[in-house]
Amino acid sequence: MKDKRIYGLFGRKIKEMRLEHGLKQRQLAELLETDKPMYSKMELGARRVRRDMIPKLAELYQVSEKELMTLWLADGVYATLKWVEEDLRLKAIDLARECFSEK
């Protein structure tokens, strides 16, 4: 069966936090103003969590918004580069790093 996950990190993290707090997917879906099937896809990595959901999740779980934002951004990079050959993927990351280092 083909792997349908597009995103790799954020969904696992929000599932882990939800289970640690004993919450149901339905409860999180309500908090995030989405439906349960959509929330389930977010945890599975088949759908991306919207940026505006991050502060709500950070507040609920009492974690750093910056920590969640870092995972969310990493998921975006992963989703963009997942389908690219490894050598090209690593060259693109190195080039981006250089761009961020420029002043």
Protein backbone atom coordinates (compact mmCIF):
# COMPACT_ATOMS: atom_id res chain seq x y z
CA MET A 1 0.00 0.00 0.00
CA LYS A 2 1.31 3.43 -0.94
CA ASP A 3 2.26 5.75 1.91
CA LYS A 4 -0.31 8.57 1.87
CA ARG A 5 1.47 10.70 4.44
CA ILE A 6 2.57 14.03 3.07
CA TYR A 7 3.63 15.55 6.36
CA GLY A 8 5.83 13.73 8.81
CA LEU A 9 6.31 15.50 12.13
CA PHE A 10 3.48 17.73 13.25
CA GLY A 11 0.72 15.13 13.10
CA ARG A 12 2.66 12.69 15.25
CA LYS A 13 3.30 15.43 17.80
CA ILE A 14 -0.32 16.53 18.12
CA LYS A 15 -1.46 12.91 18.40
CA GLU A 16 1.11 12.26 21.12
CA MET A 17 -0.01 15.35 23.07
CA ARG A 18 -3.69 14.50 22.63
CA LEU A 19 -3.19 10.99 23.99
CA GLU A 20 -1.05 12.26 26.90
CA HIS A 21 -3.93 14.56 27.87
CA GLY A 22 -6.59 11.88 27.43
CA LEU A 23 -8.50 13.82 24.80
CA LYS A 24 -10.53 12.49 21.89
CA GLN A 25 -10.09 13.54 18.27
CA ARG A 26 -13.64 14.90 18.32
CA GLN A 27 -12.69 17.32 21.11
CA LEU A 28 -9.68 18.63 19.19
CA ALA A 29 -11.71 18.95 16.01
CA GLU A 30 -14.21 21.14 17.86
CA LEU A 31 -11.46 23.29 19.39
CA LEU A 32 -9.85 23.77 15.97
CA GLU A 33 -13.19 24.41 14.27
CA THR A 34 -12.91 21.51 11.88
CA ASP A 35 -14.55 18.10 11.63
CA LYS A 36 -13.27 14.84 13.08
CA PRO A 37 -12.34 13.23 9.73
CA MET A 38 -10.24 16.27 8.81
CA TYR A 39 -8.56 16.32 12.22
CA SER A 40 -7.83 12.61 11.90
CA LYS A 41 -6.11 13.26 8.55
CA MET A 42 -3.99 15.94 10.22
CA GLU A 43 -2.76 13.47 12.83
CA LEU A 44 -2.05 10.90 10.13
CA GLY A 45 -0.02 13.39 8.10
CA ALA A 46 -2.41 13.31 5.14
CA ARG A 47 -3.50 16.94 5.67
CA ARG A 48 -1.62 19.96 6.90
CA VAL A 49 -2.62 21.73 10.08
CA ARG A 50 -3.52 25.34 9.30
CA ARG A 51 -1.13 27.97 10.65
CA ASP A 52 -3.90 29.63 12.68
CA MET A 53 -4.40 26.39 14.64
CA ILE A 54 -0.93 26.48 16.17
CA PRO A 55 -1.62 29.09 18.90
CA LYS A 56 -4.75 27.19 19.98
CA LEU A 57 -2.80 23.94 20.26
CA ALA A 58 0.07 25.62 22.12
CA GLU A 59 -2.33 27.14 24.63
CA LEU A 60 -4.28 23.91 25.13
CA TYR A 61 -1.19 21.78 25.71
CA GLN A 62 0.82 24.50 27.49
CA VAL A 63 3.75 24.16 25.08
CA SER A 64 5.78 26.75 23.27
CA GLU A 65 4.14 28.13 20.15
CA LYS A 66 7.66 28.45 18.74
CA GLU A 67 8.26 24.70 19.25
CA LEU A 68 5.05 23.84 17.39
CA MET A 69 5.80 26.38 14.67
CA THR A 70 9.22 24.79 14.14
CA LEU A 71 7.62 21.38 13.63
CA TRP A 72 5.00 22.89 11.32
CA LEU A 73 7.66 24.59 9.19
CA ALA A 74 9.74 21.41 9.07
CA ASP A 75 6.67 19.57 7.80
CA GLY A 76 6.37 22.08 4.97
CA VAL A 77 9.98 21.51 3.97
CA TYR A 78 9.51 17.75 4.22
CA ALA A 79 6.33 17.82 2.09
CA THR A 80 8.05 19.92 -0.57
CA LEU A 81 11.18 17.79 -0.78
CA LYS A 82 9.83 14.31 0.00
CA TRP A 83 9.42 13.38 -3.67
CA VAL A 84 12.83 14.67 -4.80
CA GLU A 85 16.00 12.59 -5.17
CA GLU A 86 18.13 12.64 -2.03
CA ASP A 87 21.16 14.39 -3.54
CA LEU A 88 18.99 17.14 -5.04
CA ARG A 89 17.04 17.47 -1.80
CA LEU A 90 20.24 17.94 0.24
CA LYS A 91 21.67 20.46 -2.25
CA ALA A 92 18.45 22.49 -2.06
CA ILE A 93 18.58 22.51 1.76
CA ASP A 94 22.24 23.61 1.70
CA LEU A 95 21.46 26.39 -0.76
CA ALA A 96 18.54 27.61 1.33
CA ARG A 97 20.76 27.58 4.42
CA GLU A 98 23.28 29.78 2.58
CA CYS A 99 20.51 32.23 1.64
CA PHE A 100 19.44 32.51 5.27
CA SER A 101 23.04 33.10 6.33
CA GLU A 102 23.51 36.05 3.98
CA LYS A 103 23.17 39.50 5.49
